[in-house]
C-alpha atoms as a PDB file:
ATOM      1  CA  MET A   1     213.095 -23.760 285.414  1.00  0.00           C
ATOM      2  CA  ASN A   2     210.072 -22.518 283.513  1.00  0.00           C
ATOM      3  CA  TYR A   3     207.111 -24.424 285.002  1.00  0.00           C
ATOM      4  CA  PRO A   4     204.384 -23.192 282.561  1.00  0.00           C
ATOM      5  CA  LEU A   5     206.540 -24.182 279.575  1.00  0.00           C
ATOM      6  CA  PHE A   6     206.910 -27.735 280.932  1.00  0.00           C
ATOM      7  CA  MET A   7     203.139 -27.913 281.561  1.00  0.00           C
ATOM      8  CA  VAL A   8     202.367 -26.868 277.978  1.00  0.00           C
ATOM      9  CA  MET A   9     204.908 -29.309 276.564  1.00  0.00           C
ATOM     10  CA  GLY A  10     203.489 -32.099 278.738  1.00  0.00           C
ATOM     11  CA  TRP A  11     199.943 -31.425 277.558  1.00  0.00           C
ATOM     12  CA  LEU A  12     201.088 -31.327 273.926  1.00  0.00           C
ATOM     13  CA  LEU A  13     202.899 -34.621 274.380  1.00  0.00           C
ATOM     14  CA  LEU A  14     199.831 -36.257 275.930  1.00  0.00           C
ATOM     15  CA  TRP A  15     197.532 -34.770 273.303  1.00  0.00           C
ATOM     16  CA  SER A  16     199.690 -35.976 270.413  1.00  0.00           C
ATOM     17  CA  CYS A  17     199.976 -39.571 271.680  1.00  0.00           C
ATOM     18  CA  PRO A  18     197.604 -41.962 269.995  1.00  0.00           C
ATOM     19  CA  GLY A  19     194.738 -42.812 272.343  1.00  0.00           C
ATOM     20  CA  MET A  20     194.188 -46.307 273.552  1.00  0.00           C
ATOM     21  CA  ALA A  21     190.654 -47.528 273.026  1.00  0.00           C
ATOM     22  CA  SER A  22     189.240 -48.942 276.207  1.00  0.00           C
ATOM     23  CA  GLY A  23     185.989 -49.377 278.015  1.00  0.00           C
ATOM     24  CA  VAL A  24     185.539 -47.516 281.274  1.00  0.00           C
ATOM     25  CA  LEU A  25     182.982 -48.814 283.763  1.00  0.00           C
ATOM     26  CA  LYS A  26     180.975 -46.408 285.894  1.00  0.00           C
ATOM     27  CA  LEU A  27     178.614 -47.716 288.583  1.00  0.00           C
ATOM     28  CA  SER A  28     175.686 -45.571 289.730  1.00  0.00           C
ATOM     29  CA  SER A  29     176.354 -46.447 293.352  1.00  0.00           C
ATOM     30  CA  ILE A  30     179.025 -48.178 295.384  1.00  0.00           C
ATOM     31  CA  GLU A  31     176.585 -48.907 298.203  1.00  0.00           C
ATOM     32  CA  LEU A  32     172.885 -49.803 298.350  1.00  0.00           C
ATOM     33  CA  ARG A  33     170.612 -50.411 301.329  1.00  0.00           C
ATOM     34  CA  LEU A  34     167.594 -52.651 300.794  1.00  0.00           C
ATOM     35  CA  ALA A  35     164.766 -52.940 303.314  1.00  0.00           C
ATOM     36  CA  PRO A  36     161.670 -55.152 302.997  1.00  0.00           C
ATOM     37  CA  ASP A  37     159.081 -52.348 303.285  1.00  0.00           C
ATOM     38  CA  GLU A  38     160.926 -49.649 301.348  1.00  0.00           C
ATOM     39  CA  ARG A  39     161.311 -48.839 297.683  1.00  0.00           C
ATOM     40  CA  GLN A  40     164.077 -50.919 296.152  1.00  0.00           C
ATOM     41  CA  GLY A  41     167.261 -49.132 295.138  1.00  0.00           C
ATOM     42  CA  GLU A  42     168.596 -49.185 291.591  1.00  0.00           C
ATOM     43  CA  LEU A  43     172.009 -50.100 290.269  1.00  0.00           C
ATOM     44  CA  TYR A  44     173.195 -48.965 286.853  1.00  0.00           C
ATOM     45  CA  ALA A  45     176.358 -50.012 285.036  1.00  0.00           C
ATOM     46  CA  GLN A  46     177.545 -47.615 282.342  1.00  0.00           C
ATOM     47  CA  ASN A  47     180.370 -47.771 279.817  1.00  0.00           C
ATOM     48  CA  THR A  48     181.836 -44.271 279.568  1.00  0.00           C
ATOM     49  CA  GLY A  49     184.771 -45.445 277.447  1.00  0.00           C
ATOM     50  CA  ASP A  50     185.191 -45.714 273.690  1.00  0.00           C
ATOM     51  CA  SER A  51     185.190 -49.505 273.226  1.00  0.00           C
ATOM     52  CA  THR A  52     182.903 -52.380 274.162  1.00  0.00           C
ATOM     53  CA  LEU A  53     183.100 -53.758 277.712  1.00  0.00           C
ATOM     54  CA  PHE A  54     182.634 -57.468 278.394  1.00  0.00           C
ATOM     55  CA  LEU A  55     181.891 -57.955 282.101  1.00  0.00           C
ATOM     56  CA  ASP A  56     181.574 -60.887 284.484  1.00  0.00           C
ATOM     57  CA  VAL A  57     179.317 -60.012 287.419  1.00  0.00           C
ATOM     58  CA  GLN A  58     180.058 -61.920 290.627  1.00  0.00           C
ATOM     59  CA  GLN A  59     177.826 -61.854 293.692  1.00  0.00           C
ATOM     60  CA  ALA A  60     178.998 -63.094 297.085  1.00  0.00           C
ATOM     61  CA  LEU A  61     177.671 -63.067 300.631  1.00  0.00           C
ATOM     62  CA  VAL A  62     180.037 -61.422 303.128  1.00  0.00           C
ATOM     63  CA  LEU A  63     180.283 -63.864 306.042  1.00  0.00           C
ATOM     64  CA  ASN A  64     182.171 -61.535 308.389  1.00  0.00           C
ATOM     65  CA  PRO A  65     181.043 -57.947 307.675  1.00  0.00           C
ATOM     66  CA  GLY A  66     183.461 -55.350 309.005  1.00  0.00           C
ATOM     67  CA  ASP A  67     186.314 -57.783 309.638  1.00  0.00           C
ATOM     68  CA  ARG A  68     189.536 -58.139 307.675  1.00  0.00           C
ATOM     69  CA  PRO A  69     190.145 -60.131 305.604  1.00  0.00           C
ATOM     70  CA  GLU A  70     186.653 -60.503 304.204  1.00  0.00           C
ATOM     71  CA  ARG A  71     185.317 -64.018 303.880  1.00  0.00           C
ATOM     72  CA  LEU A  72     183.105 -64.287 300.820  1.00  0.00           C
ATOM     73  CA  LEU A  73     180.687 -67.075 299.921  1.00  0.00           C
ATOM     74  CA  PRO A  74     179.776 -67.138 296.198  1.00  0.00           C
ATOM     75  CA  ILE A  75     176.039 -66.938 295.483  1.00  0.00           C
ATOM     76  CA  GLY A  76     176.068 -70.472 294.045  1.00  0.00           C
ATOM     77  CA  GLU A  77     177.137 -71.857 297.425  1.00  0.00           C
ATOM     78  CA  VAL A  78     174.584 -69.964 299.549  1.00  0.00           C
ATOM     79  CA  MET A  79     171.874 -72.420 300.698  1.00  0.00           C
ATOM     80  CA  HIS A  80     168.924 -69.991 300.631  1.00  0.00           C
ATOM     81  CA  PRO A  81     169.981 -66.689 299.048  1.00  0.00           C
ATOM     82  CA  ALA A  82     167.749 -63.740 299.867  1.00  0.00           C
ATOM     83  CA  LEU A  83     168.992 -61.573 296.993  1.00  0.00           C
ATOM     84  CA  LEU A  84     169.864 -62.236 293.374  1.00  0.00           C
ATOM     85  CA  VAL A  85     171.740 -59.799 291.136  1.00  0.00           C
ATOM     86  CA  THR A  86     171.497 -60.531 287.410  1.00  0.00           C
ATOM     87  CA  PRO A  87     172.809 -60.871 284.742  1.00  0.00           C
ATOM     88  CA  ALA A  88     176.030 -62.754 285.507  1.00  0.00           C
ATOM     89  CA  ARG A  89     177.560 -61.593 282.217  1.00  0.00           C
ATOM     90  CA  LEU A  90     177.085 -58.232 280.620  1.00  0.00           C
ATOM     91  CA  VAL A  91     178.178 -56.561 277.384  1.00  0.00           C
ATOM     92  CA  LEU A  92     178.131 -52.757 277.284  1.00  0.00           C
ATOM     93  CA  ALA A  93     178.687 -50.772 274.099  1.00  0.00           C
ATOM     94  CA  PRO A  94     180.401 -47.369 274.359  1.00  0.00           C
ATOM     95  CA  GLY A  95     178.017 -44.963 276.074  1.00  0.00           C
ATOM     96  CA  GLN A  96     175.517 -47.694 276.981  1.00  0.00           C
ATOM     97  CA  LYS A  97     173.838 -47.704 280.399  1.00  0.00           C
ATOM     98  CA  TYR A  98     172.237 -50.876 281.803  1.00  0.00           C
ATOM     99  CA  ARG A  99     169.976 -51.294 284.824  1.00  0.00           C
ATOM    100  CA  MET A 100     170.979 -54.357 286.836  1.00  0.00           C
ATOM    101  CA  ASN A 101     168.173 -56.579 288.109  1.00  0.00           C
ATOM    102  CA  LEU A 102     168.130 -56.742 291.930  1.00  0.00           C
ATOM    103  CA  GLN A 103     165.617 -59.364 293.004  1.00  0.00           C
ATOM    104  CA  GLN A 104     164.859 -59.809 296.707  1.00  0.00           C
ATOM    105  CA  LEU A 105     163.823 -63.461 296.875  1.00  0.00           C
ATOM    106  CA  THR A 106     162.894 -63.653 300.566  1.00  0.00           C
ATOM    107  CA  PRO A 107     163.444 -61.390 303.533  1.00  0.00           C
ATOM    108  CA  PRO A 108     166.611 -62.609 305.282  1.00  0.00           C
ATOM    109  CA  ARG A 109     166.433 -63.856 308.885  1.00  0.00           C
ATOM    110  CA  SER A 110     169.214 -61.465 309.821  1.00  0.00           C
ATOM    111  CA  ASN A 111     170.852 -58.480 308.145  1.00  0.00           C
ATOM    112  CA  GLN A 112     173.052 -59.540 305.233  1.00  0.00           C
ATOM    113  CA  VAL A 113     175.876 -57.877 303.364  1.00  0.00           C
ATOM    114  CA  TRP A 114     176.477 -58.736 299.709  1.00  0.00           C
ATOM    115  CA  ARG A 115     179.489 -57.829 297.594  1.00  0.00           C
ATOM    116  CA  VAL A 116     178.930 -57.473 293.854  1.00  0.00           C
ATOM    117  CA  THR A 117     182.051 -57.309 291.680  1.00  0.00           C
ATOM    118  CA  PHE A 118     182.160 -56.332 288.016  1.00  0.00           C
ATOM    119  CA  ARG A 119     185.246 -57.769 286.293  1.00  0.00           C
ATOM    120  CA  PRO A 120     186.109 -56.701 282.742  1.00  0.00           C
ATOM    121  CA  ARG A 121     187.258 -59.545 280.506  1.00  0.00           C
ATOM    122  CA  GLU A 122     190.407 -57.922 279.163  1.00  0.00           C
ATOM    123  CA  HIS A 123     193.672 -59.479 278.149  1.00  0.00           C
ATOM    124  CA  LEU A 124     196.973 -57.740 278.692  1.00  0.00           C
ATOM    125  CA  ILE A 125     199.862 -58.803 276.475  1.00  0.00           C
ATOM    126  CA  VAL A 126     203.361 -58.065 277.709  1.00  0.00           C
ATOM    127  CA  GLN A 127     206.313 -58.390 275.354  1.00  0.00           C
ATOM    128  CA  ALA A 128     209.867 -58.758 276.582  1.00  0.00           C
ATOM    129  CA  SER A 129     212.352 -56.268 275.166  1.00  0.00           C
ATOM    130  CA  ASP A 130     215.316 -58.596 275.677  1.00  0.00           C
ATOM    131  CA  ALA A 131     215.663 -61.307 273.009  1.00  0.00           C
ATOM    132  CA  ASP A 132     217.292 -63.730 275.475  1.00  0.00           C
ATOM    133  CA  SER A 133     214.463 -63.648 278.010  1.00  0.00           C
ATOM    134  CA  LEU A 134     211.524 -65.992 277.786  1.00  0.00           C
ATOM    135  CA  PRO A 135     208.049 -64.488 277.628  1.00  0.00           C
ATOM    136  CA  ALA A 136     206.072 -64.985 280.817  1.00  0.00           C
ATOM    137  CA  PRO A 137     202.289 -64.860 280.984  1.00  0.00           C
ATOM    138  CA  LEU A 138     200.890 -61.933 282.903  1.00  0.00           C
ATOM    139  CA  SER A 139     197.329 -61.875 284.166  1.00  0.00           C
ATOM    140  CA  VAL A 140     195.766 -58.726 285.569  1.00  0.00           C
ATOM    141  CA  SER A 141     192.280 -58.843 287.069  1.00  0.00           C
ATOM    142  CA  VAL A 142     190.674 -55.529 287.932  1.00  0.00           C
ATOM    143  CA  GLY A 143     187.312 -55.549 289.658  1.00  0.00           C
ATOM    144  CA  TYR A 144     184.841 -52.755 290.281  1.00  0.00           C
ATOM    145  CA  GLY A 145     182.988 -53.555 293.481  1.00  0.00           C
ATOM    146  CA  MET A 146     179.917 -52.399 295.316  1.00  0.00           C
ATOM    147  CA  VAL A 147     178.173 -53.448 298.517  1.00  0.00           C
ATOM    148  CA  ILE A 148     174.494 -54.183 299.142  1.00  0.00           C
ATOM    149  CA  TYR A 149     173.187 -54.092 302.715  1.00  0.00           C
ATOM    150  CA  GLN A 150     170.013 -56.165 302.953  1.00  0.00           C
ATOM    151  CA  LYS A 151     167.943 -55.550 306.063  1.00  0.00           C
ATOM    152  CA  ALA A 152     166.018 -58.354 307.752  1.00  0.00           C
ATOM    153  CA  ALA A 153     162.260 -58.009 308.171  1.00  0.00           C
ATOM    154  CA  ASN A 154     162.502 -57.866 311.978  1.00  0.00           C
ATOM    155  CA  ALA A 155     165.650 -55.701 312.225  1.00  0.00           C
ATOM    156  CA  SER A 156     165.213 -52.019 313.003  1.00  0.00           C
ATOM    157  CA  VAL A 157     168.613 -50.646 311.946  1.00  0.00           C
ATOM    158  CA  PHE A 158     171.928 -51.805 310.581  1.00  0.00           C
ATOM    159  CA  THR A 159     174.585 -52.092 313.228  1.00  0.00           C
ATOM    160  CA  GLU A 160     177.882 -50.278 312.789  1.00  0.00           C
ATOM    161  CA  LYS A 161     179.658 -53.559 312.080  1.00  0.00           C
ATOM    162  CA  GLU A 162     177.372 -54.292 309.141  1.00  0.00           C
END
């Protein structure tokens, strides 16, 4: 078996296939640590793909940091949120980079962990190859997540569990 010949043929096959236009999300960080007396971190969302990305941004408080499964409380259900990540919806053109707004509303009473998930609004259409089979809807939801550790004003360090 001639391995280099198969590699060249594989690359030619991939190169000759028509490309699929899609947006590709790149986050500047998967983890941020925010402290009351320190400079606030920055979070950038960038579309490195070749088509427009339509994103829903979801923020949730992690109620049991470090435990599995995670219990998340959506930001709309948190009584007194200490952090707000905006916007909730975002449109990124190919190559566009956007700085997310991280607003610390109040210092939390205790250390908090927030999960921010970016979900592309994409639809996947699946067609059956068999004429006798009925088409079934298929929904795929891919999320790009990151974590924000928000330190309380009186806390000295984050514990290992947070």
